[in-house]
Protein backbone atom coordinates (compact mmCIF):
# COMPACT_ATOMS: atom_id res chain seq x y z
CA MET A 1 -0.04 0.00 0.29
CA THR A 2 1.28 3.08 -1.08
CA ALA A 3 1.15 6.44 0.91
CA GLU A 4 -1.44 7.61 -1.23
CA ASP A 5 -3.57 4.75 -0.14
CA THR A 6 -3.29 4.88 3.35
CA PRO A 7 -6.99 6.26 4.45
CA VAL A 8 -7.48 9.45 6.11
CA PRO A 9 -8.51 9.14 9.94
CA ALA A 10 -11.61 10.85 10.37
CA LEU A 11 -11.94 14.17 11.95
CA MET A 12 -14.24 13.75 15.05
CA PRO A 13 -15.82 17.34 15.00
CA THR A 14 -15.07 20.34 17.07
CA TYR A 15 -19.48 19.69 18.14
CA LEU A 16 -21.87 17.92 19.02
CA GLU A 17 -24.63 18.55 17.02
CA LEU A 18 -28.35 18.13 18.39
CA ASP A 19 -32.16 18.88 17.16
CA ARG A 20 -34.73 20.17 19.27
CA ARG A 21 -36.37 17.25 20.23
CA GLN A 22 -33.01 15.30 21.61
CA TRP A 23 -32.22 18.49 23.12
CA ALA A 24 -35.31 18.59 24.83
CA ARG A 25 -34.28 14.86 26.21
CA LEU A 26 -31.21 16.47 28.40
CA ARG A 27 -33.22 18.50 30.53
CA GLY A 28 -33.89 15.37 33.14
CA ASP A 29 -36.03 16.37 35.83
CA LEU A 30 -35.68 20.17 36.51
CA PRO A 31 -39.05 21.48 36.84
CA MET A 32 -40.73 24.42 35.15
CA PRO A 33 -40.75 27.72 37.30
CA LEU A 34 -41.43 30.13 34.87
CA SER A 35 -45.16 30.86 34.03
CA GLU A 36 -46.96 32.62 30.80
CA ALA A 37 -46.95 35.77 32.76
CA ASP A 38 -43.62 35.54 33.56
CA LEU A 39 -42.63 35.12 30.16
CA ALA A 40 -44.39 38.57 29.30
CA HIS A 41 -41.69 40.13 31.12
CA ILE A 42 -39.18 38.75 29.54
CA ARG A 43 -39.91 38.91 26.25
CA GLY A 44 -37.79 41.39 24.45
CA LEU A 45 -38.70 43.51 21.64
CA SER A 46 -40.12 41.66 18.58
CA MET A 47 -38.83 38.33 20.33
CA PRO A 48 -41.11 35.78 20.79
CA ILE A 49 -40.52 32.82 23.33
CA SER A 50 -42.80 30.36 24.67
CA VAL A 51 -43.08 28.15 27.46
CA GLU A 52 -43.30 25.51 25.02
CA GLU A 53 -39.32 26.86 23.89
CA VAL A 54 -38.16 27.77 27.59
CA VAL A 55 -39.16 23.93 28.38
CA ASP A 56 -37.86 21.84 24.94
CA VAL A 57 -34.23 24.18 25.39
CA TYR A 58 -33.94 26.64 28.17
CA LEU A 59 -34.07 23.83 31.08
CA SER A 60 -31.26 21.49 29.52
CA VAL A 61 -29.63 24.82 29.06
CA ALA A 62 -29.56 25.55 32.88
CA ARG A 63 -29.27 21.78 33.89
CA LEU A 64 -25.84 21.89 32.03
CA LEU A 65 -24.95 24.93 33.58
CA LEU A 66 -26.35 23.97 37.04
CA LEU A 67 -23.45 21.44 36.56
CA GLN A 68 -20.77 22.82 35.40
CA ILE A 69 -21.58 25.75 38.39
CA ASP A 70 -21.21 22.86 40.72
CA ARG A 71 -18.11 21.68 39.57
CA LEU A 72 -16.34 25.14 39.75
CA ARG A 73 -17.63 25.31 43.35
CA GLN A 74 -15.64 22.00 44.25
CA ARG A 75 -12.96 22.63 42.72
CA SER A 76 -12.71 26.43 44.21
CA GLU A 77 -13.08 23.78 47.86
CA ASP A 78 -10.78 21.59 46.19
CA THR A 79 -8.10 23.78 45.80
CA ALA A 80 -8.21 25.48 49.40
CA ARG A 81 -8.32 22.40 51.01
CA PHE A 82 -4.73 21.17 49.23
CA LEU A 83 -3.33 24.91 50.25
CA ASN A 84 -4.78 24.28 53.69
CA VAL A 85 -6.42 27.94 53.57
CA PRO A 86 -9.99 28.67 54.64
CA ILE A 87 -12.10 27.77 52.00
CA PRO A 88 -13.38 31.20 50.78
CA GLY A 89 -16.73 31.92 49.35
CA HIS A 90 -18.00 30.43 46.23
CA PRO A 91 -16.63 32.24 42.86
CA THR A 92 -18.44 33.91 40.86
CA PHE A 93 -19.66 31.85 37.91
CA VAL A 94 -19.45 33.80 34.59
CA ILE A 95 -21.36 33.07 31.40
CA GLY A 96 -21.04 34.99 28.48
CA VAL A 97 -23.74 35.61 25.95
CA ALA A 98 -22.53 36.55 22.16
CA GLY A 99 -23.93 37.15 18.87
CA SER A 100 -25.75 39.49 16.56
CA VAL A 101 -27.54 41.97 16.82
CA ALA A 102 -31.69 41.79 16.75
CA VAL A 103 -30.49 38.13 16.64
CA GLY A 104 -32.22 38.23 21.13
CA LYS A 105 -29.07 38.28 22.79
CA SER A 106 -30.73 39.73 25.83
CA THR A 107 -34.10 37.90 25.58
CA THR A 108 -31.95 34.58 26.05
CA SER A 109 -29.93 36.10 28.85
CA ARG A 110 -33.06 36.88 30.44
CA VAL A 111 -34.76 33.55 30.19
CA LEU A 112 -31.26 32.05 32.01
CA GLN A 113 -31.19 34.57 34.72
CA SER A 114 -34.99 33.62 35.43
CA LEU A 115 -34.75 30.20 35.51
CA LEU A 116 -31.07 29.54 37.32
CA SER A 117 -32.56 31.92 40.18
CA ARG A 118 -35.49 30.39 40.86
CA LEU A 119 -33.87 26.65 40.40
CA ARG A 120 -31.50 27.66 42.91
CA THR A 121 -33.60 29.49 45.88
CA GLY A 122 -31.65 32.31 46.61
CA TRP A 123 -29.21 32.83 44.42
CA ASN A 124 -27.80 36.35 43.05
CA VAL A 125 -27.72 35.93 39.63
CA ALA A 126 -26.79 39.14 37.57
CA LEU A 127 -27.10 40.26 34.09
CA VAL A 128 -24.59 42.80 33.06
CA THR A 129 -24.42 44.08 29.22
CA THR A 130 -21.42 45.05 27.77
CA ASP A 131 -23.25 48.77 25.94
CA GLY A 132 -22.16 50.17 29.58
CA PHE A 133 -18.46 49.86 28.63
CA LEU A 134 -18.94 52.02 24.65
CA PHE A 135 -16.93 55.27 24.72
CA PRO A 136 -19.31 57.97 25.38
CA ASN A 137 -20.88 59.54 22.65
CA GLN A 138 -18.75 63.06 23.46
CA VAL A 139 -15.60 60.51 23.11
CA LEU A 140 -17.33 58.82 20.22
CA GLU A 141 -17.57 61.85 18.16
CA GLU A 142 -14.23 63.34 19.23
CA ARG A 143 -12.80 60.05 17.55
CA GLY A 144 -14.95 60.07 14.35
CA LEU A 145 -16.62 56.82 15.40
CA MET A 146 -20.63 57.46 16.03
CA LYS A 147 -21.02 55.49 12.80
CA ARG A 148 -18.78 52.59 14.37
CA LYS A 149 -20.59 52.36 17.25
CA GLY A 150 -20.44 48.48 18.08
CA PHE A 151 -17.22 47.81 16.28
CA PRO A 152 -14.64 46.60 18.75
CA GLU A 153 -12.64 50.45 18.93
CA SER A 154 -16.03 52.15 20.37
CA TYR A 155 -15.31 49.87 23.44
CA ASP A 156 -13.46 50.55 26.74
CA VAL A 157 -11.64 47.10 26.39
CA LYS A 158 -9.90 47.66 29.45
CA ARG A 159 -12.00 48.87 31.99
CA LEU A 160 -14.36 45.95 30.99
CA MET A 161 -11.38 43.59 31.59
CA ARG A 162 -10.95 45.16 35.01
CA PHE A 163 -14.43 44.42 35.84
CA VAL A 164 -15.00 40.84 35.12
CA THR A 165 -11.82 40.23 36.56
CA ASP A 166 -13.01 42.21 40.09
CA VAL A 167 -15.70 39.71 39.42
CA LYS A 168 -13.80 37.03 38.87
CA LEU A 169 -11.13 38.20 42.38
CA GLY A 170 -14.58 38.37 44.32
CA VAL A 171 -14.28 42.10 45.13
CA GLU A 172 -17.22 45.02 44.48
CA ALA A 173 -16.85 45.51 40.64
CA SER A 174 -18.55 48.67 39.84
CA CYS A 175 -19.57 48.82 35.69
CA PRO A 176 -21.22 52.16 33.89
CA VAL A 177 -24.92 51.63 32.95
CA TYR A 178 -26.04 52.20 29.34
CA SER A 179 -29.35 53.63 28.04
CA HIS A 180 -31.09 52.86 25.04
CA VAL A 181 -33.94 55.90 25.37
CA ILE A 182 -30.58 58.85 24.93
CA TYR A 183 -28.42 55.98 23.07
CA ASP A 184 -25.67 56.75 25.43
CA VAL A 185 -23.66 56.18 28.73
CA ILE A 186 -25.81 57.52 31.38
CA PRO A 187 -23.27 59.73 33.67
CA ASP A 188 -22.47 59.06 36.99
CA ARG A 189 -25.18 55.95 36.81
CA THR A 190 -23.16 52.74 37.88
CA GLN A 191 -24.75 49.05 38.28
CA THR A 192 -22.16 47.30 41.62
CA LEU A 193 -21.99 43.85 42.11
CA LEU A 194 -20.43 42.19 45.00
CA ARG A 195 -19.68 38.27 44.58
CA PRO A 196 -22.77 36.89 43.03
CA ASP A 197 -22.90 33.57 43.15
CA VAL A 198 -23.35 33.82 38.72
CA MET A 199 -23.04 37.06 36.02
CA ILE A 200 -24.08 36.78 32.47
CA LEU A 201 -22.19 39.34 30.70
CA GLU A 202 -23.82 39.78 27.40
CA GLY A 203 -22.93 41.44 24.33
CA LEU A 204 -21.88 41.91 20.56
CA ASN A 205 -17.96 41.58 22.05
CA VAL A 206 -17.80 38.79 24.98
CA LEU A 207 -15.63 36.34 22.78
CA GLN A 208 -13.79 39.07 19.99
CA THR A 209 -10.26 38.44 20.36
CA GLY A 210 -9.32 42.31 19.80
CA SER A 211 -9.53 44.99 17.00
CA GLY A 212 -6.52 45.91 14.77
CA GLN A 213 -4.51 47.24 17.07
CA ARG A 214 -2.42 45.74 20.22
CA ARG A 215 -4.06 43.09 21.86
CA SER A 216 -3.85 42.70 25.39
CA ARG A 217 -2.19 39.53 27.02
CA ARG A 218 -5.88 38.05 27.98
CA LEU A 219 -9.47 38.37 26.40
CA ILE A 220 -12.54 38.50 27.89
CA SER A 221 -12.96 35.52 27.17
CA ASP A 222 -9.88 33.74 29.11
CA LEU A 223 -13.00 34.86 32.45
CA LEU A 224 -15.70 32.93 30.98
CA ASP A 225 -16.81 29.63 32.36
CA PHE A 226 -19.24 29.01 30.38
CA SER A 227 -20.19 30.37 26.57
CA ILE A 228 -22.92 30.82 24.29
CA TYR A 229 -23.45 32.27 20.83
CA VAL A 230 -26.60 32.75 19.76
CA ASP A 231 -27.09 31.93 15.87
CA ALA A 232 -29.02 32.79 12.40
CA THR A 233 -28.87 33.37 9.09
CA THR A 234 -27.60 36.99 7.76
CA GLU A 235 -31.04 37.01 5.95
CA ASP A 236 -33.06 35.95 8.78
CA LEU A 237 -31.26 38.90 11.03
CA ALA A 238 -32.20 41.94 8.67
CA ARG A 239 -35.27 41.02 8.64
CA TRP A 240 -36.03 40.87 12.37
CA TYR A 241 -33.78 43.88 12.51
CA GLU A 242 -36.25 45.81 9.82
CA GLN A 243 -39.50 44.51 11.61
CA ARG A 244 -37.41 46.08 15.31
CA PHE A 245 -36.46 48.83 14.10
CA LEU A 246 -40.41 49.66 12.55
CA THR A 247 -41.68 48.79 16.14
CA LEU A 248 -39.02 50.84 17.79
CA ARG A 249 -40.79 53.89 15.23
CA ASP A 250 -44.03 53.23 16.52
CA THR A 251 -43.18 53.06 20.75
CA ALA A 252 -39.76 54.08 21.75
CA PHE A 253 -38.79 56.47 19.36
CA ARG A 254 -42.23 58.33 20.19
CA ASP A 255 -40.49 59.57 23.41
CA PRO A 256 -39.51 63.05 23.28
CA ALA A 257 -36.37 62.22 25.41
CA SER A 258 -35.40 59.39 22.47
CA HIS A 259 -32.14 60.09 20.71
CA PHE A 260 -33.77 59.00 17.74
CA HIS A 261 -37.12 60.61 18.73
CA LYS A 262 -37.21 62.73 14.66
CA PHE A 263 -37.38 58.95 13.57
CA SER A 264 -41.13 58.30 14.70
CA LEU A 265 -42.13 60.73 12.43
CA LEU A 266 -40.78 58.16 8.92
CA THR A 267 -43.32 56.94 6.71
CA ASP A 268 -43.42 53.16 6.42
CA VAL A 269 -41.39 53.67 3.14
CA GLU A 270 -38.63 55.50 5.17
CA ALA A 271 -38.21 53.63 7.71
CA VAL A 272 -37.62 50.49 5.92
CA GLU A 273 -35.17 51.76 3.80
CA LEU A 274 -33.41 53.61 7.11
CA ALA A 275 -33.69 50.45 8.76
CA ARG A 276 -32.07 48.41 5.23
CA THR A 277 -29.61 51.14 5.08
CA ILE A 278 -28.42 51.03 8.89
CA TRP A 279 -28.52 47.06 8.47
CA ARG A 280 -26.28 46.74 5.42
CA ASP A 281 -23.45 49.70 6.31
CA ILE A 282 -23.21 49.24 10.05
CA ASN A 283 -24.67 45.68 11.58
CA GLU A 284 -23.96 43.50 8.93
CA ALA A 285 -20.22 44.66 8.26
CA ASN A 286 -19.73 44.57 12.11
CA LEU A 287 -21.59 41.23 12.07
CA ILE A 288 -19.51 39.64 9.20
CA ARG A 289 -16.01 41.36 9.79
CA ASN A 290 -16.10 41.02 14.14
CA ILE A 291 -18.89 38.98 15.27
CA GLN A 292 -19.53 35.74 13.25
CA PRO A 293 -15.85 34.89 13.40
CA THR A 294 -16.38 34.51 16.97
CA ARG A 295 -19.30 32.13 16.94
CA ASP A 296 -16.71 28.73 16.82
CA ARG A 297 -15.12 30.13 19.92
CA ALA A 298 -18.46 29.70 22.19
CA GLN A 299 -18.83 26.60 23.78
CA MET A 300 -22.82 26.41 22.67
CA VAL A 301 -24.57 27.79 19.56
CA LEU A 302 -28.30 28.39 19.60
CA GLU A 303 -29.51 28.09 16.22
CA LYS A 304 -32.64 29.89 15.10
CA GLY A 305 -34.97 29.65 12.74
CA PRO A 306 -36.59 31.83 10.10
CA ASP A 307 -39.05 32.45 13.08
CA HIS A 308 -36.79 33.26 16.01
CA SER A 309 -37.15 29.61 17.44
CA ILE A 310 -34.36 28.13 18.34
CA ARG A 311 -34.30 24.60 16.39
CA ARG A 312 -30.42 23.05 16.57
CA ILE A 313 -27.89 23.37 19.58
CA ARG A 314 -24.54 23.06 18.95
CA LEU A 315 -21.99 21.76 21.90
CA ARG A 316 -18.69 22.17 22.01
CA ARG A 317 -16.64 19.07 22.58
CA ILE A 318 -13.18 20.11 23.17
């Protein structure tokens, strides 16, 4: 047999893929702690989510996370015993949730926050978005980055890294708060955390390795205990963004305090045209260049179909 005849060994796929029916079987005996009324408060703008989807998908995700959290706590206790030092308080388990604009990251994060806090009575499950770590509009304007908002260079990555590091170290950590009404970081307002049991960190950039600038020695993803990427086709994302823009035009944009109040006066044709332009020039460009390349760094990928429901789950093997 020549070298050319030698069979090439098959490579094991990086991810294990399961459809929704297969995944639903993995929830075990976890009870469903959320009612339809609870979901009504959790749903994002134009982001449908049903009790059935929580049962089929999110309970199994929660069960896996609980196993991972227990393992982290046990490892922390084992290390303390090995070093012969007092066992510290439980370490914070940090979950990163990434994905495109309009994919439903916030809804996914709120569902997980509600499930984990109810499945473990007394747990403090904090939710933090990386929007708060965008540079203030004044800084972005000075640097000519207002049309690059959401791109890697628009974030104060050093401050974000310091915040997540403090959370992992168990010291009091504060982060800026962002307002989607004024489209800016709120001056002098912060969210303070002190040793939460779990922190969910949601944002476009939680799995990114940096921009073309000099990269720091450590990445945000180095501090994540588990990471989830919410995925969908570019075509579906563009359609969802357009639908969301029209909904905002008729709701939030009508607030005189809204940064985008002028858009509330647009006709349907004008609103659709503007939404498509923003998607093409900003959000899609950022998605293709900076966000999609991080998908294969996630430990779990939740793949959505055209109706926004999760139809396939990919779980990293290695």
